[in-house]
Amino acid sequence: MNAQELVKLIEGLIVVSGLAAIFWALFKNQTTKNVISTQNELIKTLQGQIQAIRDEAADLRNKHIDNEKAISKLQGQVDVYKELPLANLSSAMSELARNQAEILKIIKKK
């Protein structure tokens, strides 16, 4: 091998290695762009899901507050109904006993 052939061989290796480096850089750059694009899409999807969860949590919180108000209202009504019959029960029982006694008197007279 003479010097000229050696120089041409080295030049060929430099050109081939340069082309390989260019192709590698382009491939790596495209892969990186794809990864970044995919990650951006995933981030947008997750942000949408987070917002949906926040909205649902707010709705559930409002429903919870409404349910607590309804429970409180019903509890007040239950308390009123509990006290109402107990207050009138003794007088109703007394009146019932009087009515039964009158009925027995009427029956005995016949």
C-alpha atoms as a PDB file:
ATOM      1  CA  MET A   1       0.000   0.000   0.000  1.00  0.00           C
ATOM      2  CA  ASN A   2       1.344   3.282  -0.973  1.00  0.00           C
ATOM      3  CA  ALA A   3       0.597   6.618   0.665  1.00  0.00           C
ATOM      4  CA  GLN A   4      -2.073   7.625  -1.841  1.00  0.00           C
ATOM      5  CA  GLU A   5      -4.109   4.483  -1.273  1.00  0.00           C
ATOM      6  CA  LEU A   6      -3.775   4.916   2.454  1.00  0.00           C
ATOM      7  CA  VAL A   7      -5.004   8.530   2.235  1.00  0.00           C
ATOM      8  CA  LYS A   8      -7.970   7.449   0.076  1.00  0.00           C
ATOM      9  CA  LEU A   9      -8.796   4.679   2.569  1.00  0.00           C
ATOM     10  CA  ILE A  10      -8.673   7.112   5.483  1.00  0.00           C
ATOM     11  CA  GLU A  11     -10.795   9.614   3.540  1.00  0.00           C
ATOM     12  CA  GLY A  12     -13.342   6.871   2.813  1.00  0.00           C
ATOM     13  CA  LEU A  13     -13.431   5.862   6.478  1.00  0.00           C
ATOM     14  CA  ILE A  14     -13.887   9.495   7.511  1.00  0.00           C
ATOM     15  CA  VAL A  15     -16.755   9.937   5.003  1.00  0.00           C
ATOM     16  CA  VAL A  16     -18.415   6.672   6.086  1.00  0.00           C
ATOM     17  CA  SER A  17     -18.033   7.497   9.790  1.00  0.00           C
ATOM     18  CA  GLY A  18     -19.328  11.036   9.147  1.00  0.00           C
ATOM     19  CA  LEU A  19     -22.397   9.695   7.356  1.00  0.00           C
ATOM     20  CA  ALA A  20     -22.972   7.187  10.129  1.00  0.00           C
ATOM     21  CA  ALA A  21     -22.716   9.992  12.697  1.00  0.00           C
ATOM     22  CA  ILE A  22     -25.221  12.108  10.724  1.00  0.00           C
ATOM     23  CA  PHE A  23     -27.689   9.215  10.463  1.00  0.00           C
ATOM     24  CA  TRP A  24     -27.266   8.442  14.171  1.00  0.00           C
ATOM     25  CA  ALA A  25     -27.863  12.087  15.108  1.00  0.00           C
ATOM     26  CA  LEU A  26     -30.975  12.279  12.922  1.00  0.00           C
ATOM     27  CA  PHE A  27     -32.323   9.020  14.323  1.00  0.00           C
ATOM     28  CA  LYS A  28     -31.612  10.060  17.890  1.00  0.00           C
ATOM     29  CA  ASN A  29     -33.147  13.502  17.297  1.00  0.00           C
ATOM     30  CA  GLN A  30     -36.326  11.982  15.808  1.00  0.00           C
ATOM     31  CA  THR A  31     -36.585   9.498  18.660  1.00  0.00           C
ATOM     32  CA  THR A  32     -36.196  12.296  21.185  1.00  0.00           C
ATOM     33  CA  LYS A  33     -38.893  14.328  19.431  1.00  0.00           C
ATOM     34  CA  ASN A  34     -41.219  11.330  19.478  1.00  0.00           C
ATOM     35  CA  VAL A  35     -40.608  10.754  23.189  1.00  0.00           C
ATOM     36  CA  ILE A  36     -41.206  14.427  23.980  1.00  0.00           C
ATOM     37  CA  SER A  37     -44.371  14.467  21.866  1.00  0.00           C
ATOM     38  CA  THR A  38     -45.693  11.324  23.555  1.00  0.00           C
ATOM     39  CA  GLN A  39     -44.917  12.714  26.998  1.00  0.00           C
ATOM     40  CA  ASN A  40     -46.685  15.990  26.156  1.00  0.00           C
ATOM     41  CA  GLU A  41     -49.787  14.056  25.086  1.00  0.00           C
ATOM     42  CA  LEU A  42     -49.692  12.027  28.299  1.00  0.00           C
ATOM     43  CA  ILE A  43     -49.303  15.179  30.377  1.00  0.00           C
ATOM     44  CA  LYS A  44     -52.313  16.778  28.676  1.00  0.00           C
ATOM     45  CA  THR A  45     -54.359  13.619  29.235  1.00  0.00           C
ATOM     46  CA  LEU A  46     -53.399  13.474  32.903  1.00  0.00           C
ATOM     47  CA  GLN A  47     -54.168  17.176  33.366  1.00  0.00           C
ATOM     48  CA  GLY A  48     -57.616  16.563  31.887  1.00  0.00           C
ATOM     49  CA  GLN A  49     -58.157  13.643  34.249  1.00  0.00           C
ATOM     50  CA  ILE A  50     -57.002  15.714  37.212  1.00  0.00           C
ATOM     51  CA  GLN A  51     -59.454  18.471  36.303  1.00  0.00           C
ATOM     52  CA  ALA A  52     -62.253  15.917  35.927  1.00  0.00           C
ATOM     53  CA  ILE A  53     -61.435  14.492  39.359  1.00  0.00           C
ATOM     54  CA  ARG A  54     -61.393  17.986  40.873  1.00  0.00           C
ATOM     55  CA  ASP A  55     -64.773  18.755  39.311  1.00  0.00           C
ATOM     56  CA  GLU A  56     -66.191  15.475  40.567  1.00  0.00           C
ATOM     57  CA  ALA A  57     -64.812  16.138  44.057  1.00  0.00           C
ATOM     58  CA  ALA A  58     -66.460  19.574  44.082  1.00  0.00           C
ATOM     59  CA  ASP A  59     -69.774  18.051  42.983  1.00  0.00           C
ATOM     60  CA  LEU A  60     -69.534  15.357  45.641  1.00  0.00           C
ATOM     61  CA  ARG A  61     -68.680  17.984  48.268  1.00  0.00           C
ATOM     62  CA  ASN A  62     -71.777  19.989  47.295  1.00  0.00           C
ATOM     63  CA  LYS A  63     -73.942  16.857  47.394  1.00  0.00           C
ATOM     64  CA  HIS A  64     -72.500  16.019  50.807  1.00  0.00           C
ATOM     65  CA  ILE A  65     -73.400  19.466  52.121  1.00  0.00           C
ATOM     66  CA  ASP A  66     -76.925  19.148  50.698  1.00  0.00           C
ATOM     67  CA  ASN A  67     -77.271  15.686  52.269  1.00  0.00           C
ATOM     68  CA  GLU A  68     -76.117  16.986  55.648  1.00  0.00           C
ATOM     69  CA  LYS A  69     -78.748  19.742  55.460  1.00  0.00           C
ATOM     70  CA  ALA A  70     -81.437  17.211  54.539  1.00  0.00           C
ATOM     71  CA  ILE A  71     -80.362  14.902  57.372  1.00  0.00           C
ATOM     72  CA  SER A  72     -80.482  17.791  59.830  1.00  0.00           C
ATOM     73  CA  LYS A  73     -83.957  18.751  58.632  1.00  0.00           C
ATOM     74  CA  LEU A  74     -85.183  15.167  58.905  1.00  0.00           C
ATOM     75  CA  GLN A  75     -83.642  14.812  62.355  1.00  0.00           C
ATOM     76  CA  GLY A  76     -85.577  17.885  63.476  1.00  0.00           C
ATOM     77  CA  GLN A  77     -88.795  16.389  62.125  1.00  0.00           C
ATOM     78  CA  VAL A  78     -88.097  13.082  63.861  1.00  0.00           C
ATOM     79  CA  ASP A  79     -87.551  14.909  67.142  1.00  0.00           C
ATOM     80  CA  VAL A  80     -90.866  16.727  66.745  1.00  0.00           C
ATOM     81  CA  TYR A  81     -92.693  13.496  65.954  1.00  0.00           C
ATOM     82  CA  LYS A  82     -91.073  11.736  68.894  1.00  0.00           C
ATOM     83  CA  GLU A  83     -92.197  14.374  71.371  1.00  0.00           C
ATOM     84  CA  LEU A  84     -95.674  14.938  69.941  1.00  0.00           C
ATOM     85  CA  PRO A  85     -97.209  11.500  70.569  1.00  0.00           C
ATOM     86  CA  LEU A  86     -95.565  11.114  73.955  1.00  0.00           C
ATOM     87  CA  ALA A  87     -97.026  14.398  75.171  1.00  0.00           C
ATOM     88  CA  ASN A  88    -100.561  13.425  74.133  1.00  0.00           C
ATOM     89  CA  LEU A  89    -100.312   9.731  74.951  1.00  0.00           C
ATOM     90  CA  SER A  90    -101.285   9.981  78.606  1.00  0.00           C
ATOM     91  CA  SER A  91    -104.334  12.166  77.943  1.00  0.00           C
ATOM     92  CA  ALA A  92    -105.401   9.902  75.070  1.00  0.00           C
ATOM     93  CA  MET A  93    -105.070   6.835  77.268  1.00  0.00           C
ATOM     94  CA  SER A  94    -107.125   8.505  79.989  1.00  0.00           C
ATOM     95  CA  GLU A  95    -109.822   9.437  77.516  1.00  0.00           C
ATOM     96  CA  LEU A  96    -109.838   5.886  76.130  1.00  0.00           C
ATOM     97  CA  ALA A  97    -110.233   4.459  79.608  1.00  0.00           C
ATOM     98  CA  ARG A  98    -113.183   6.827  80.277  1.00  0.00           C
ATOM     99  CA  ASN A  99    -114.810   5.870  76.994  1.00  0.00           C
ATOM    100  CA  GLN A 100    -114.431   2.175  77.782  1.00  0.00           C
ATOM    101  CA  ALA A 101    -115.918   2.705  81.191  1.00  0.00           C
ATOM    102  CA  GLU A 102    -118.912   4.517  79.667  1.00  0.00           C
ATOM    103  CA  ILE A 103    -119.370   1.746  77.105  1.00  0.00           C
ATOM    104  CA  LEU A 104    -119.340  -0.859  79.881  1.00  0.00           C
ATOM    105  CA  LYS A 105    -121.967   1.136  81.822  1.00  0.00           C
ATOM    106  CA  ILE A 106    -124.190   1.349  78.744  1.00  0.00           C
ATOM    107  CA  ILE A 107    -123.814  -2.372  78.089  1.00  0.00           C
ATOM    108  CA  LYS A 108    -124.678  -3.225  81.709  1.00  0.00           C
ATOM    109  CA  LYS A 109    -127.821  -1.072  81.612  1.00  0.00           C
ATOM    110  CA  LYS A 110    -129.248  -2.984  78.667  1.00  0.00           C
END
